[in-house]
Amino acid sequence: MRITDTERGARMALNIAEMYVRQLDLWPDTLPQQFDFWLSVRAAALDQLDECFLLRQSLL
């Protein structure tokens, strides 16, 4: 089964969010709002990927 656009977007968002979260960990004086934002993007991407996985499993 091909990857959907939703899943592709969630994977890109997850990769970008994890990159920023790792970078913000290196500098403790960064804005906590930025860190919280990227953590929420990461959580939303993981939720979307879980939904895509469950949908794919239900179609098999």
PDB file of N, CA and C in Angstrom:
ATOM      1  N   MET A   1       0.844  -1.177   0.000  1.00  0.00           N
ATOM      2  CA  MET A   1       0.000   0.000   0.000  1.00  0.00           C
ATOM      3  C   MET A   1       0.893   1.246   0.000  1.00  0.00           C
ATOM      4  N   ARG A   2       0.556   2.199  -0.828  1.00  0.00           N
ATOM      5  CA  ARG A   2       1.341   3.431  -0.940  1.00  0.00           C
ATOM      6  C   ARG A   2       1.151   4.320   0.281  1.00  0.00           C
ATOM      7  N   ILE A   3       2.165   5.109   0.551  1.00  0.00           N
ATOM      8  CA  ILE A   3       2.090   6.070   1.638  1.00  0.00           C
ATOM      9  C   ILE A   3       1.157   7.214   1.216  1.00  0.00           C
ATOM     10  N   THR A   4       0.337   7.685   2.130  1.00  0.00           N
ATOM     11  CA  THR A   4      -0.591   8.770   1.817  1.00  0.00           C
ATOM     12  C   THR A   4       0.101  10.121   2.004  1.00  0.00           C
ATOM     13  N   ASP A   5      -0.511  11.152   1.439  1.00  0.00           N
ATOM     14  CA  ASP A   5       0.032  12.501   1.612  1.00  0.00           C
ATOM     15  C   ASP A   5       0.013  12.911   3.080  1.00  0.00           C
ATOM     16  N   THR A   6      -1.028  12.494   3.801  1.00  0.00           N
ATOM     17  CA  THR A   6      -1.126  12.810   5.226  1.00  0.00           C
ATOM     18  C   THR A   6       0.026  12.186   5.992  1.00  0.00           C
ATOM     19  N   GLU A   7       0.308  10.926   5.690  1.00  0.00           N
ATOM     20  CA  GLU A   7       1.406  10.245   6.368  1.00  0.00           C
ATOM     21  C   GLU A   7       2.754  10.867   5.992  1.00  0.00           C
ATOM     22  N   ARG A   8       2.916  11.219   4.744  1.00  0.00           N
ATOM     23  CA  ARG A   8       4.158  11.861   4.294  1.00  0.00           C
ATOM     24  C   ARG A   8       4.356  13.194   5.025  1.00  0.00           C
ATOM     25  N   GLY A   9       3.298  13.975   5.130  1.00  0.00           N
ATOM     26  CA  GLY A   9       3.387  15.252   5.837  1.00  0.00           C
ATOM     27  C   GLY A   9       3.689  15.077   7.312  1.00  0.00           C
ATOM     28  N   ALA A  10       3.077  14.062   7.921  1.00  0.00           N
ATOM     29  CA  ALA A  10       3.335  13.802   9.338  1.00  0.00           C
ATOM     30  C   ALA A  10       4.778  13.365   9.555  1.00  0.00           C
ATOM     31  N   ARG A  11       5.308  12.576   8.644  1.00  0.00           N
ATOM     32  CA  ARG A  11       6.717  12.148   8.764  1.00  0.00           C
ATOM     33  C   ARG A  11       7.661  13.342   8.613  1.00  0.00           C
ATOM     34  N   MET A  12       7.359  14.242   7.687  1.00  0.00           N
ATOM     35  CA  MET A  12       8.200  15.434   7.519  1.00  0.00           C
ATOM     36  C   MET A  12       8.121  16.317   8.761  1.00  0.00           C
ATOM     37  N   ALA A  13       6.912  16.506   9.290  1.00  0.00           N
ATOM     38  CA  ALA A  13       6.751  17.327  10.491  1.00  0.00           C
ATOM     39  C   ALA A  13       7.491  16.707  11.673  1.00  0.00           C
ATOM     40  N   LEU A  14       7.426  15.392  11.790  1.00  0.00           N
ATOM     41  CA  LEU A  14       8.127  14.709  12.876  1.00  0.00           C
ATOM     42  C   LEU A  14       9.640  14.898  12.747  1.00  0.00           C
ATOM     43  N   ASN A  15      10.165  14.737  11.555  1.00  0.00           N
ATOM     44  CA  ASN A  15      11.612  14.916  11.350  1.00  0.00           C
ATOM     45  C   ASN A  15      12.050  16.337  11.687  1.00  0.00           C
ATOM     46  N   ILE A  16      11.287  17.316  11.236  1.00  0.00           N
ATOM     47  CA  ILE A  16      11.640  18.716  11.496  1.00  0.00           C
ATOM     48  C   ILE A  16      11.533  19.025  12.985  1.00  0.00           C
ATOM     49  N   ALA A  17      10.450  18.570  13.616  1.00  0.00           N
ATOM     50  CA  ALA A  17      10.257  18.839  15.041  1.00  0.00           C
ATOM     51  C   ALA A  17      11.358  18.194  15.873  1.00  0.00           C
ATOM     52  N   GLU A  18      11.719  16.966  15.556  1.00  0.00           N
ATOM     53  CA  GLU A  18      12.780  16.306  16.321  1.00  0.00           C
ATOM     54  C   GLU A  18      14.115  17.013  16.131  1.00  0.00           C
ATOM     55  N   MET A  19      14.363  17.533  14.940  1.00  0.00           N
ATOM     56  CA  MET A  19      15.591  18.277  14.699  1.00  0.00           C
ATOM     57  C   MET A  19      15.635  19.527  15.581  1.00  0.00           C
ATOM     58  N   TYR A  20      14.528  20.276  15.623  1.00  0.00           N
ATOM     59  CA  TYR A  20      14.505  21.494  16.424  1.00  0.00           C
ATOM     60  C   TYR A  20      14.551  21.199  17.911  1.00  0.00           C
ATOM     61  N   VAL A  21      13.873  20.147  18.361  1.00  0.00           N
ATOM     62  CA  VAL A  21      13.903  19.807  19.785  1.00  0.00           C
ATOM     63  C   VAL A  21      15.327  19.458  20.203  1.00  0.00           C
ATOM     64  N   ARG A  22      16.034  18.700  19.375  1.00  0.00           N
ATOM     65  CA  ARG A  22      17.429  18.358  19.694  1.00  0.00           C
ATOM     66  C   ARG A  22      18.309  19.606  19.717  1.00  0.00           C
ATOM     67  N   GLN A  23      18.090  20.513  18.773  1.00  0.00           N
ATOM     68  CA  GLN A  23      18.901  21.734  18.744  1.00  0.00           C
ATOM     69  C   GLN A  23      18.617  22.607  19.956  1.00  0.00           C
ATOM     70  N   LEU A  24      17.352  22.704  20.346  1.00  0.00           N
ATOM     71  CA  LEU A  24      17.004  23.548  21.486  1.00  0.00           C
ATOM     72  C   LEU A  24      17.526  22.961  22.787  1.00  0.00           C
ATOM     73  N   ASP A  25      17.715  21.639  22.844  1.00  0.00           N
ATOM     74  CA  ASP A  25      18.301  21.018  24.029  1.00  0.00           C
ATOM     75  C   ASP A  25      19.745  21.462  24.237  1.00  0.00           C
ATOM     76  N   LEU A  26      20.429  21.826  23.169  1.00  0.00           N
ATOM     77  CA  LEU A  26      21.836  22.208  23.269  1.00  0.00           C
ATOM     78  C   LEU A  26      22.026  23.584  23.894  1.00  0.00           C
ATOM     79  N   TRP A  27      21.037  24.452  23.751  1.00  0.00           N
ATOM     80  CA  TRP A  27      21.126  25.806  24.287  1.00  0.00           C
ATOM     81  C   TRP A  27      20.029  26.021  25.322  1.00  0.00           C
ATOM     82  N   PRO A  28      20.385  25.947  26.611  1.00  0.00           N
ATOM     83  CA  PRO A  28      19.366  26.061  27.656  1.00  0.00           C
ATOM     84  C   PRO A  28      18.719  27.440  27.753  1.00  0.00           C
ATOM     85  N   ASP A  29      19.322  28.451  27.155  1.00  0.00           N
ATOM     86  CA  ASP A  29      18.758  29.799  27.254  1.00  0.00           C
ATOM     87  C   ASP A  29      17.766  30.117  26.136  1.00  0.00           C
ATOM     88  N   THR A  30      17.378  29.113  25.340  1.00  0.00           N
ATOM     89  CA  THR A  30      16.407  29.362  24.271  1.00  0.00           C
ATOM     90  C   THR A  30      15.026  29.591  24.865  1.00  0.00           C
ATOM     91  N   LEU A  31      14.170  30.140  24.073  1.00  0.00           N
ATOM     92  CA  LEU A  31      12.828  30.453  24.542  1.00  0.00           C
ATOM     93  C   LEU A  31      12.041  29.183  24.835  1.00  0.00           C
ATOM     94  N   PRO A  32      11.455  29.081  26.023  1.00  0.00           N
ATOM     95  CA  PRO A  32      10.675  27.880  26.332  1.00  0.00           C
ATOM     96  C   PRO A  32       9.447  27.733  25.434  1.00  0.00           C
ATOM     97  N   GLN A  33       8.934  28.849  24.900  1.00  0.00           N
ATOM     98  CA  GLN A  33       7.785  28.759  24.003  1.00  0.00           C
ATOM     99  C   GLN A  33       8.149  27.998  22.737  1.00  0.00           C
ATOM    100  N   GLN A  34       9.359  28.212  22.229  1.00  0.00           N
ATOM    101  CA  GLN A  34       9.802  27.488  21.035  1.00  0.00           C
ATOM    102  C   GLN A  34       9.881  26.001  21.318  1.00  0.00           C
ATOM    103  N   PHE A  35      10.445  25.653  22.462  1.00  0.00           N
ATOM    104  CA  PHE A  35      10.583  24.250  22.830  1.00  0.00           C
ATOM    105  C   PHE A  35       9.207  23.605  22.957  1.00  0.00           C
ATOM    106  N   ASP A  36       8.284  24.287  23.632  1.00  0.00           N
ATOM    107  CA  ASP A  36       6.921  23.761  23.786  1.00  0.00           C
ATOM    108  C   ASP A  36       6.230  23.623  22.442  1.00  0.00           C
ATOM    109  N   PHE A  37       6.431  24.591  21.554  1.00  0.00           N
ATOM    110  CA  PHE A  37       5.814  24.528  20.236  1.00  0.00           C
ATOM    111  C   PHE A  37       6.285  23.295  19.479  1.00  0.00           C
ATOM    112  N   TRP A  38       7.600  23.073  19.434  1.00  0.00           N
ATOM    113  CA  TRP A  38       8.121  21.937  18.676  1.00  0.00           C
ATOM    114  C   TRP A  38       7.763  20.613  19.331  1.00  0.00           C
ATOM    115  N   LEU A  39       7.644  20.595  20.660  1.00  0.00           N
ATOM    116  CA  LEU A  39       7.176  19.368  21.317  1.00  0.00           C
ATOM    117  C   LEU A  39       5.727  19.077  20.945  1.00  0.00           C
ATOM    118  N   SER A  40       4.911  20.123  20.826  1.00  0.00           N
ATOM    119  CA  SER A  40       3.511  19.898  20.445  1.00  0.00           C
ATOM    120  C   SER A  40       3.401  19.480  18.978  1.00  0.00           C
ATOM    121  N   VAL A  41       4.252  20.026  18.110  1.00  0.00           N
ATOM    122  CA  VAL A  41       4.275  19.586  16.706  1.00  0.00           C
ATOM    123  C   VAL A  41       4.667  18.119  16.642  1.00  0.00           C
ATOM    124  N   ARG A  42       5.665  17.742  17.423  1.00  0.00           N
ATOM    125  CA  ARG A  42       6.117  16.346  17.459  1.00  0.00           C
ATOM    126  C   ARG A  42       4.991  15.424  17.930  1.00  0.00           C
ATOM    127  N   ALA A  43       4.295  15.830  18.983  1.00  0.00           N
ATOM    128  CA  ALA A  43       3.196  15.015  19.504  1.00  0.00           C
ATOM    129  C   ALA A  43       2.075  14.876  18.476  1.00  0.00           C
ATOM    130  N   ALA A  44       1.747  15.964  17.787  1.00  0.00           N
ATOM    131  CA  ALA A  44       0.694  15.906  16.768  1.00  0.00           C
ATOM    132  C   ALA A  44       1.101  15.003  15.608  1.00  0.00           C
ATOM    133  N   ALA A  45       2.363  15.066  15.211  1.00  0.00           N
ATOM    134  CA  ALA A  45       2.842  14.210  14.120  1.00  0.00           C
ATOM    135  C   ALA A  45       2.790  12.743  14.523  1.00  0.00           C
ATOM    136  N   LEU A  46       3.182  12.444  15.758  1.00  0.00           N
ATOM    137  CA  LEU A  46       3.116  11.055  16.229  1.00  0.00           C
ATOM    138  C   LEU A  46       1.676  10.557  16.286  1.00  0.00           C
ATOM    139  N   ASP A  47       0.760  11.410  16.732  1.00  0.00           N
ATOM    140  CA  ASP A  47      -0.663  11.036  16.749  1.00  0.00           C
ATOM    141  C   ASP A  47      -1.163  10.741  15.341  1.00  0.00           C
ATOM    142  N   GLN A  48      -0.782  11.574  14.399  1.00  0.00           N
ATOM    143  CA  GLN A  48      -1.225  11.375  13.015  1.00  0.00           C
ATOM    144  C   GLN A  48      -0.653  10.090  12.436  1.00  0.00           C
ATOM    145  N   LEU A  49       0.608   9.806  12.728  1.00  0.00           N
ATOM    146  CA  LEU A  49       1.215   8.567  12.241  1.00  0.00           C
ATOM    147  C   LEU A  49       0.553   7.343  12.870  1.00  0.00           C
ATOM    148  N   ASP A  50       0.157   7.455  14.137  1.00  0.00           N
ATOM    149  CA  ASP A  50      -0.581   6.356  14.778  1.00  0.00           C
ATOM    150  C   ASP A  50      -1.910   6.115  14.075  1.00  0.00           C
ATOM    151  N   GLU A  51      -2.611   7.207  13.748  1.00  0.00           N
ATOM    152  CA  GLU A  51      -3.889   7.072  13.040  1.00  0.00           C
ATOM    153  C   GLU A  51      -3.694   6.442  11.663  1.00  0.00           C
ATOM    154  N   CYS A  52      -2.654   6.853  10.964  1.00  0.00           N
ATOM    155  CA  CYS A  52      -2.370   6.269   9.641  1.00  0.00           C
ATOM    156  C   CYS A  52      -2.070   4.781   9.760  1.00  0.00           C
ATOM    157  N   PHE A  53      -1.314   4.408  10.786  1.00  0.00           N
ATOM    158  CA  PHE A  53      -0.989   3.002  11.000  1.00  0.00           C
ATOM    159  C   PHE A  53      -2.254   2.193  11.279  1.00  0.00           C
ATOM    160  N   LEU A  54      -3.116   2.717  12.148  1.00  0.00           N
ATOM    161  CA  LEU A  54      -4.352   1.997  12.476  1.00  0.00           C
ATOM    162  C   LEU A  54      -5.270   1.882  11.264  1.00  0.00           C
ATOM    163  N   LEU A  55      -5.345   2.929  10.469  1.00  0.00           N
ATOM    164  CA  LEU A  55      -6.160   2.878   9.256  1.00  0.00           C
ATOM    165  C   LEU A  55      -5.615   1.831   8.290  1.00  0.00           C
ATOM    166  N   ARG A  56      -4.311   1.813   8.130  1.00  0.00           N
ATOM    167  CA  ARG A  56      -3.689   0.835   7.234  1.00  0.00           C
ATOM    168  C   ARG A  56      -3.956  -0.594   7.733  1.00  0.00           C
ATOM    169  N   GLN A  57      -3.883  -0.802   9.043  1.00  0.00           N
ATOM    170  CA  GLN A  57      -4.134  -2.131   9.603  1.00  0.00           C
ATOM    171  C   GLN A  57      -5.586  -2.553   9.406  1.00  0.00           C
ATOM    172  N   SER A  58      -6.501  -1.602   9.481  1.00  0.00           N
ATOM    173  CA  SER A  58      -7.919  -1.944   9.324  1.00  0.00           C
ATOM    174  C   SER A  58      -8.263  -2.299   7.879  1.00  0.00           C
ATOM    175  N   LEU A  59      -7.457  -1.824   6.934  1.00  0.00           N
ATOM    176  CA  LEU A  59      -7.725  -2.106   5.525  1.00  0.00           C
ATOM    177  C   LEU A  59      -7.111  -3.421   5.052  1.00  0.00           C
ATOM    178  N   LEU A  60      -6.250  -4.005   5.853  1.00  0.00           N
ATOM    179  CA  LEU A  60      -5.613  -5.268   5.458  1.00  0.00           C
ATOM    180  C   LEU A  60      -6.482  -6.462   5.765  1.00  0.00           C
TER     181      LEU A  60
END
